[in-house]
Amino acid sequence: NDLMSYAGDRNIILCSFCADVCTMLRAKQGRWPVVLIVQGNTEIYPDYLDRRLNNLETSINAAVSENLQGVSMFSKLLKKDSEKIINHVQDLGLKAFVWGIDCTDENFRNEMRENKIDGIIYDRIYEDKSLTKRKLK
């Protein structure tokens, strides 16, 4: 109820690293899009026990099967073949987002934009000189 009370007309995307939470958010409401956050198999973070989250393709298939709106992929997963991966996600009808430390690098963000990523998640977006206040709205 708090989210509904305070969201107003802002664009909200609900997301979680937990596939079960995403499934429940999707089942319990239809107002806001739900996105599964994926880290894949990486040496940076320990693997999740949920096998749906340890492999990018499995995570993408889980998002499709649960009728989620998209996946937010760890930036290291997009270091190779980013255009192919992004196109694959979008061809399945999902939105493709990216998150991670690489997103703080302007060259990486530009590469993602060139590859038609739907969204880039990173801290201190207000410090990005390439964005104007109009683009942030």
Protein backbone atom coordinates (compact mmCIF):
# COMPACT_ATOMS: atom_id res chain seq x y z
CA ASN A 1 0.00 0.00 0.00
CA ASP A 2 2.86 2.40 0.70
CA LEU A 3 4.17 2.11 -2.84
CA MET A 4 0.75 2.77 -4.28
CA SER A 5 0.26 5.71 -1.93
CA TYR A 6 3.56 7.43 -2.64
CA ALA A 7 4.42 6.48 -6.23
CA GLY A 8 2.24 9.14 -7.78
CA ASP A 9 2.87 9.36 -11.51
CA ARG A 10 6.54 8.36 -11.28
CA ASN A 11 7.89 5.55 -13.43
CA ILE A 12 8.53 2.60 -11.12
CA ILE A 13 10.20 -0.70 -11.93
CA LEU A 14 10.07 -3.46 -9.33
CA CYS A 15 13.11 -5.73 -9.33
CA SER A 16 14.77 -8.39 -7.24
CA PHE A 17 17.66 -10.85 -7.27
CA CYS A 18 15.14 -13.48 -6.14
CA ALA A 19 13.18 -15.15 -8.95
CA ASP A 20 10.43 -16.17 -6.51
CA VAL A 21 9.97 -12.57 -5.34
CA CYS A 22 9.72 -11.43 -8.96
CA THR A 23 7.13 -14.13 -9.66
CA MET A 24 5.04 -13.03 -6.67
CA LEU A 25 5.33 -9.34 -7.53
CA ARG A 26 4.11 -10.12 -11.03
CA ALA A 27 1.26 -12.30 -9.74
CA LYS A 28 0.08 -9.85 -7.08
CA GLN A 29 0.06 -6.65 -9.10
CA GLY A 30 0.00 -5.51 -12.70
CA ARG A 31 0.63 -1.80 -12.36
CA TRP A 32 4.43 -1.80 -12.43
CA PRO A 33 6.85 -3.82 -14.53
CA VAL A 34 8.87 -6.52 -12.76
CA VAL A 35 12.50 -7.23 -13.69
CA LEU A 36 14.73 -10.09 -12.55
CA ILE A 37 18.23 -8.97 -11.56
CA VAL A 38 20.83 -11.45 -12.80
CA GLN A 39 24.45 -11.83 -11.77
CA GLY A 40 25.09 -15.08 -13.61
CA ASN A 41 28.11 -17.22 -12.95
CA THR A 42 30.84 -14.84 -11.85
CA GLU A 43 33.89 -15.09 -9.66
CA ILE A 44 33.16 -11.67 -8.18
CA TYR A 45 30.14 -12.74 -6.13
CA PRO A 46 29.22 -16.14 -4.68
CA ASP A 47 26.69 -18.12 -6.70
CA TYR A 48 23.07 -18.16 -5.62
CA LEU A 49 21.60 -21.47 -4.54
CA ASP A 50 18.72 -20.88 -6.95
CA ARG A 51 19.93 -22.40 -10.24
CA ARG A 52 17.74 -20.00 -12.22
CA LEU A 53 20.15 -17.22 -11.31
CA ASN A 54 23.54 -18.82 -11.96
CA ASN A 55 23.32 -18.95 -15.74
CA LEU A 56 22.26 -16.06 -17.95
CA GLU A 57 20.27 -18.15 -20.43
CA THR A 58 18.43 -19.94 -17.61
CA SER A 59 17.63 -16.56 -16.01
CA ILE A 60 16.32 -15.20 -19.30
CA ASN A 61 14.15 -18.31 -19.76
CA ALA A 62 12.82 -17.92 -16.19
CA ALA A 63 11.86 -14.31 -16.91
CA VAL A 64 10.04 -15.34 -20.08
CA SER A 65 8.23 -18.24 -18.42
CA GLU A 66 7.08 -16.08 -15.50
CA ASN A 67 5.94 -13.29 -17.83
CA LEU A 68 8.32 -10.73 -16.35
CA GLN A 69 9.03 -7.53 -18.23
CA GLY A 70 12.78 -7.92 -18.35
CA VAL A 71 16.15 -8.89 -16.94
CA SER A 72 18.83 -6.67 -15.47
CA MET A 73 22.16 -8.29 -16.26
CA PHE A 74 25.42 -7.89 -14.38
CA SER A 75 27.75 -5.78 -16.51
CA LYS A 76 30.48 -8.45 -16.64
CA LEU A 77 28.03 -10.72 -18.49
CA LEU A 78 27.90 -8.15 -21.30
CA LYS A 79 31.64 -7.62 -21.72
CA LYS A 80 31.65 -10.10 -24.62
CA ASP A 81 28.97 -10.23 -27.30
CA SER A 82 26.84 -7.54 -25.66
CA GLU A 83 24.95 -6.74 -28.86
CA LYS A 84 24.10 -10.41 -29.42
CA ILE A 85 22.93 -10.89 -25.82
CA ILE A 86 20.86 -7.69 -25.77
CA ASN A 87 19.23 -8.59 -29.10
CA HIS A 88 18.46 -12.10 -27.84
CA VAL A 89 16.77 -10.74 -24.71
CA GLN A 90 14.75 -8.21 -26.69
CA ASP A 91 13.82 -10.76 -29.38
CA LEU A 92 12.17 -12.78 -26.60
CA GLY A 93 10.02 -9.75 -25.74
CA LEU A 94 11.94 -8.72 -22.63
CA LYS A 95 13.49 -5.40 -21.71
CA ALA A 96 17.26 -5.53 -21.25
CA PHE A 97 18.89 -3.62 -18.40
CA VAL A 98 22.47 -3.65 -17.15
CA TRP A 99 23.90 -3.01 -13.66
CA GLY A 100 27.34 -3.25 -12.09
CA ILE A 101 30.60 -1.41 -11.59
CA ASP A 102 31.26 -1.20 -15.34
CA CYS A 103 28.22 1.06 -15.67
CA THR A 104 30.17 3.87 -14.01
CA ASP A 105 32.46 3.93 -17.06
CA GLU A 106 31.20 6.35 -19.71
CA ASN A 107 32.66 4.28 -22.56
CA PHE A 108 30.81 1.19 -21.33
CA ARG A 109 27.55 3.14 -21.05
CA ASN A 110 28.01 4.47 -24.58
CA GLU A 111 28.62 0.94 -25.88
CA MET A 112 25.45 -0.25 -24.16
CA ARG A 113 23.46 2.64 -25.66
CA GLU A 114 24.85 1.84 -29.13
CA ASN A 115 23.70 -1.76 -28.61
CA LYS A 116 20.19 -0.50 -27.78
CA ILE A 117 20.09 -1.48 -24.09
CA ASP A 118 16.76 -0.47 -22.55
CA GLY A 119 18.22 0.79 -19.28
CA ILE A 120 21.49 1.35 -17.45
CA ILE A 121 21.52 1.21 -13.66
CA TYR A 122 24.33 2.98 -11.84
CA ASP A 123 25.03 5.26 -8.89
CA ARG A 124 25.52 9.01 -9.06
CA ILE A 125 23.61 9.46 -12.30
CA TYR A 126 23.50 13.19 -11.51
CA GLU A 127 27.28 13.32 -12.14
CA ASP A 128 26.87 12.09 -15.73
CA LYS A 129 27.65 15.17 -17.83
CA SER A 130 26.23 13.53 -20.98
CA LEU A 131 22.72 13.64 -19.50
CA THR A 132 20.64 16.76 -19.32
CA LYS A 133 17.85 17.42 -16.86
CA ARG A 134 15.39 16.84 -19.71
CA LYS A 135 16.77 13.33 -20.31
CA LEU A 136 16.54 12.50 -16.60
CA LYS A 137 12.81 13.23 -16.41
